[in-house]
Amino acid sequence: MSSRSEESSLAEQLSDNKLLNVEICGDVCVIRFVEPLLRDSERQRVFSRLSREYSRFVINLSVVEYCSSLVLGTLVLLQTTADEKGGGAHICGISGQVRELFAVTAVQTLFAYFDKETAAINAFPAA
């Protein structure tokens, strides 16, 4: 795992892309989307980089109103990769059409869901 300053640097660098906000809370990488439409491939590159560094993720979808199949597939890949490394991905703040998309595609069974970000972070067992 990276040093604390490297973790901060990575989070800041990834947050600077204006697509999402990344914060490291202990050994959990919290990803907050900053726009309501998730459809570009830039997130795939960001998630790939994060999955090399971390194995526990909280994905905050509270501002998201739409999610493309590309982003949905990227979320599944992130969860799969995290699971293989002994971690996982928790989702919080999901609602509306995005919740329906997760249900229709059966993706909902892959993740643990929480209303609040803090609950999602705290649901991971102590390292």
C-alpha atoms as a PDB file:
ATOM      1  CA  MET A   1       0.000   0.000   0.000  1.00  0.00           C
ATOM      2  CA  SER A   2       1.104   3.567  -0.646  1.00  0.00           C
ATOM      3  CA  SER A   3       2.278   6.040   1.953  1.00  0.00           C
ATOM      4  CA  ARG A   4      -0.230   8.544   3.372  1.00  0.00           C
ATOM      5  CA  SER A   5       1.184  11.420   1.253  1.00  0.00           C
ATOM      6  CA  GLU A   6       1.049   9.282  -1.898  1.00  0.00           C
ATOM      7  CA  GLU A   7      -2.558   8.350  -1.070  1.00  0.00           C
ATOM      8  CA  SER A   8      -3.480  12.020  -0.652  1.00  0.00           C
ATOM      9  CA  SER A   9      -1.710  12.860  -3.886  1.00  0.00           C
ATOM     10  CA  LEU A  10      -3.527  10.113  -5.794  1.00  0.00           C
ATOM     11  CA  ALA A  11      -6.898  11.185  -4.372  1.00  0.00           C
ATOM     12  CA  GLU A  12      -6.219  14.836  -5.226  1.00  0.00           C
ATOM     13  CA  GLN A  13      -5.002  13.987  -8.707  1.00  0.00           C
ATOM     14  CA  LEU A  14      -8.047  11.862  -9.466  1.00  0.00           C
ATOM     15  CA  SER A  15     -10.403  14.440  -7.959  1.00  0.00           C
ATOM     16  CA  ASP A  16      -8.888  17.125 -10.183  1.00  0.00           C
ATOM     17  CA  ASN A  17     -10.441  15.532 -13.252  1.00  0.00           C
ATOM     18  CA  LYS A  18     -13.844  16.994 -12.218  1.00  0.00           C
ATOM     19  CA  LEU A  19     -15.603  13.709 -12.942  1.00  0.00           C
ATOM     20  CA  LEU A  20     -15.524  12.508  -9.388  1.00  0.00           C
ATOM     21  CA  ASN A  21     -14.177  13.201  -5.947  1.00  0.00           C
ATOM     22  CA  VAL A  22     -11.895  10.630  -4.340  1.00  0.00           C
ATOM     23  CA  GLU A  23     -11.183  10.512  -0.616  1.00  0.00           C
ATOM     24  CA  ILE A  24      -9.209   7.922   1.325  1.00  0.00           C
ATOM     25  CA  CYS A  25     -10.781   7.028   4.691  1.00  0.00           C
ATOM     26  CA  GLY A  26      -8.385   4.647   6.406  1.00  0.00           C
ATOM     27  CA  ASP A  27      -8.143   1.706   3.993  1.00  0.00           C
ATOM     28  CA  VAL A  28     -11.390   2.574   2.178  1.00  0.00           C
ATOM     29  CA  CYS A  29     -11.404   4.531  -1.065  1.00  0.00           C
ATOM     30  CA  VAL A  30     -14.549   6.685  -1.233  1.00  0.00           C
ATOM     31  CA  ILE A  31     -15.621   7.674  -4.738  1.00  0.00           C
ATOM     32  CA  ARG A  32     -18.195  10.465  -5.072  1.00  0.00           C
ATOM     33  CA  PHE A  33     -19.563  11.316  -8.471  1.00  0.00           C
ATOM     34  CA  VAL A  34     -19.997  15.041  -9.072  1.00  0.00           C
ATOM     35  CA  GLU A  35     -22.322  15.020 -12.065  1.00  0.00           C
ATOM     36  CA  PRO A  36     -25.708  13.360 -12.612  1.00  0.00           C
ATOM     37  CA  LEU A  37     -24.918  11.590 -15.905  1.00  0.00           C
ATOM     38  CA  LEU A  38     -22.443   8.712 -15.864  1.00  0.00           C
ATOM     39  CA  ARG A  39     -21.572   7.837 -19.411  1.00  0.00           C
ATOM     40  CA  ASP A  40     -17.977   8.570 -20.371  1.00  0.00           C
ATOM     41  CA  SER A  41     -15.047   6.207 -20.576  1.00  0.00           C
ATOM     42  CA  GLU A  42     -12.704   8.414 -18.512  1.00  0.00           C
ATOM     43  CA  ARG A  43     -14.100   6.776 -15.384  1.00  0.00           C
ATOM     44  CA  GLN A  44     -12.913   3.385 -16.609  1.00  0.00           C
ATOM     45  CA  ARG A  45      -9.315   4.635 -16.575  1.00  0.00           C
ATOM     46  CA  VAL A  46      -9.755   6.166 -13.119  1.00  0.00           C
ATOM     47  CA  PHE A  47     -11.361   3.021 -11.673  1.00  0.00           C
ATOM     48  CA  SER A  48      -8.624   0.859 -13.162  1.00  0.00           C
ATOM     49  CA  ARG A  49      -5.993   2.975 -11.444  1.00  0.00           C
ATOM     50  CA  LEU A  50      -7.842   2.919  -8.122  1.00  0.00           C
ATOM     51  CA  SER A  51      -8.352  -0.849  -8.230  1.00  0.00           C
ATOM     52  CA  ARG A  52      -4.586  -1.342  -8.460  1.00  0.00           C
ATOM     53  CA  GLU A  53      -4.124   0.605  -5.206  1.00  0.00           C
ATOM     54  CA  TYR A  54      -7.153  -0.312  -3.102  1.00  0.00           C
ATOM     55  CA  SER A  55      -9.463  -3.245  -2.418  1.00  0.00           C
ATOM     56  CA  ARG A  56     -12.244  -1.545  -0.421  1.00  0.00           C
ATOM     57  CA  PHE A  57     -14.498   0.997  -2.072  1.00  0.00           C
ATOM     58  CA  VAL A  58     -17.536   3.061  -1.249  1.00  0.00           C
ATOM     59  CA  ILE A  59     -19.229   4.403  -4.358  1.00  0.00           C
ATOM     60  CA  ASN A  60     -21.503   7.341  -3.611  1.00  0.00           C
ATOM     61  CA  LEU A  61     -24.169   7.678  -6.307  1.00  0.00           C
ATOM     62  CA  SER A  62     -26.303  10.290  -4.528  1.00  0.00           C
ATOM     63  CA  VAL A  63     -26.125  12.864  -7.364  1.00  0.00           C
ATOM     64  CA  VAL A  64     -26.358  10.326 -10.191  1.00  0.00           C
ATOM     65  CA  GLU A  65     -29.529  10.296 -12.277  1.00  0.00           C
ATOM     66  CA  TYR A  66     -28.324   8.212 -15.235  1.00  0.00           C
ATOM     67  CA  CYS A  67     -25.711   5.483 -15.653  1.00  0.00           C
ATOM     68  CA  SER A  68     -24.601   4.129 -19.045  1.00  0.00           C
ATOM     69  CA  SER A  69     -23.920   0.462 -19.632  1.00  0.00           C
ATOM     70  CA  LEU A  70     -20.188   1.274 -19.960  1.00  0.00           C
ATOM     71  CA  VAL A  71     -20.081   2.788 -16.478  1.00  0.00           C
ATOM     72  CA  LEU A  72     -22.237  -0.022 -15.097  1.00  0.00           C
ATOM     73  CA  GLY A  73     -19.779  -2.551 -16.503  1.00  0.00           C
ATOM     74  CA  THR A  74     -16.899  -0.580 -14.997  1.00  0.00           C
ATOM     75  CA  LEU A  75     -18.573  -0.682 -11.563  1.00  0.00           C
ATOM     76  CA  VAL A  76     -18.996  -4.450 -11.890  1.00  0.00           C
ATOM     77  CA  LEU A  77     -15.336  -4.828 -12.857  1.00  0.00           C
ATOM     78  CA  LEU A  78     -14.296  -2.694  -9.877  1.00  0.00           C
ATOM     79  CA  GLN A  79     -16.367  -4.881  -7.547  1.00  0.00           C
ATOM     80  CA  THR A  80     -14.978  -8.089  -9.062  1.00  0.00           C
ATOM     81  CA  THR A  81     -11.387  -6.883  -8.811  1.00  0.00           C
ATOM     82  CA  ALA A  82     -11.885  -5.690  -5.222  1.00  0.00           C
ATOM     83  CA  ASP A  83     -13.514  -8.986  -4.263  1.00  0.00           C
ATOM     84  CA  GLU A  84     -10.605 -10.960  -5.716  1.00  0.00           C
ATOM     85  CA  LYS A  85      -8.257  -8.914  -3.509  1.00  0.00           C
ATOM     86  CA  GLY A  86     -10.304  -9.674  -0.379  1.00  0.00           C
ATOM     87  CA  GLY A  87     -12.192  -6.379  -0.368  1.00  0.00           C
ATOM     88  CA  GLY A  88     -15.365  -5.220  -1.998  1.00  0.00           C
ATOM     89  CA  ALA A  89     -17.443  -2.286  -3.101  1.00  0.00           C
ATOM     90  CA  HIS A  90     -20.355  -0.782  -1.224  1.00  0.00           C
ATOM     91  CA  ILE A  91     -22.808   1.570  -2.867  1.00  0.00           C
ATOM     92  CA  CYS A  92     -24.592   4.398  -1.128  1.00  0.00           C
ATOM     93  CA  GLY A  93     -27.086   7.035  -2.183  1.00  0.00           C
ATOM     94  CA  ILE A  94     -28.558   5.099  -5.099  1.00  0.00           C
ATOM     95  CA  SER A  95     -32.058   6.096  -6.195  1.00  0.00           C
ATOM     96  CA  GLY A  96     -34.485   6.504  -9.083  1.00  0.00           C
ATOM     97  CA  GLN A  97     -33.565   5.285 -12.533  1.00  0.00           C
ATOM     98  CA  VAL A  98     -30.132   4.124 -11.448  1.00  0.00           C
ATOM     99  CA  ARG A  99     -31.670   1.829  -8.825  1.00  0.00           C
ATOM    100  CA  GLU A 100     -34.041   0.474 -11.485  1.00  0.00           C
ATOM    101  CA  LEU A 101     -31.129  -0.114 -13.883  1.00  0.00           C
ATOM    102  CA  PHE A 102     -29.254  -2.060 -11.217  1.00  0.00           C
ATOM    103  CA  ALA A 103     -32.377  -4.164 -10.569  1.00  0.00           C
ATOM    104  CA  VAL A 104     -33.181  -4.858 -14.238  1.00  0.00           C
ATOM    105  CA  THR A 105     -29.611  -5.881 -15.046  1.00  0.00           C
ATOM    106  CA  ALA A 106     -29.290  -8.018 -11.893  1.00  0.00           C
ATOM    107  CA  VAL A 107     -26.244  -5.982 -10.871  1.00  0.00           C
ATOM    108  CA  GLN A 108     -27.943  -5.247  -7.561  1.00  0.00           C
ATOM    109  CA  THR A 109     -26.916  -8.662  -6.242  1.00  0.00           C
ATOM    110  CA  LEU A 110     -23.194  -7.843  -6.575  1.00  0.00           C
ATOM    111  CA  PHE A 111     -23.088  -4.934  -4.137  1.00  0.00           C
ATOM    112  CA  ALA A 112     -24.014  -4.084  -0.574  1.00  0.00           C
ATOM    113  CA  TYR A 113     -26.238  -0.977  -0.429  1.00  0.00           C
ATOM    114  CA  PHE A 114     -26.396   1.742   2.201  1.00  0.00           C
ATOM    115  CA  ASP A 115     -28.332   4.964   2.579  1.00  0.00           C
ATOM    116  CA  LYS A 116     -25.434   6.876   4.115  1.00  0.00           C
ATOM    117  CA  GLU A 117     -21.774   7.020   3.151  1.00  0.00           C
ATOM    118  CA  THR A 118     -20.579   6.632   6.748  1.00  0.00           C
ATOM    119  CA  ALA A 119     -22.618   3.439   7.138  1.00  0.00           C
ATOM    120  CA  ALA A 120     -21.065   2.043   3.948  1.00  0.00           C
ATOM    121  CA  ILE A 121     -17.552   2.835   5.185  1.00  0.00           C
ATOM    122  CA  ASN A 122     -18.177   1.396   8.637  1.00  0.00           C
ATOM    123  CA  ALA A 123     -19.676  -1.817   7.222  1.00  0.00           C
ATOM    124  CA  PHE A 124     -16.241  -3.072   6.191  1.00  0.00           C
ATOM    125  CA  PRO A 125     -14.701  -5.340   8.833  1.00  0.00           C
ATOM    126  CA  ALA A 126     -11.689  -4.015  10.700  1.00  0.00           C
ATOM    127  CA  ALA A 127      -8.477  -4.639   8.817  1.00  0.00           C
END
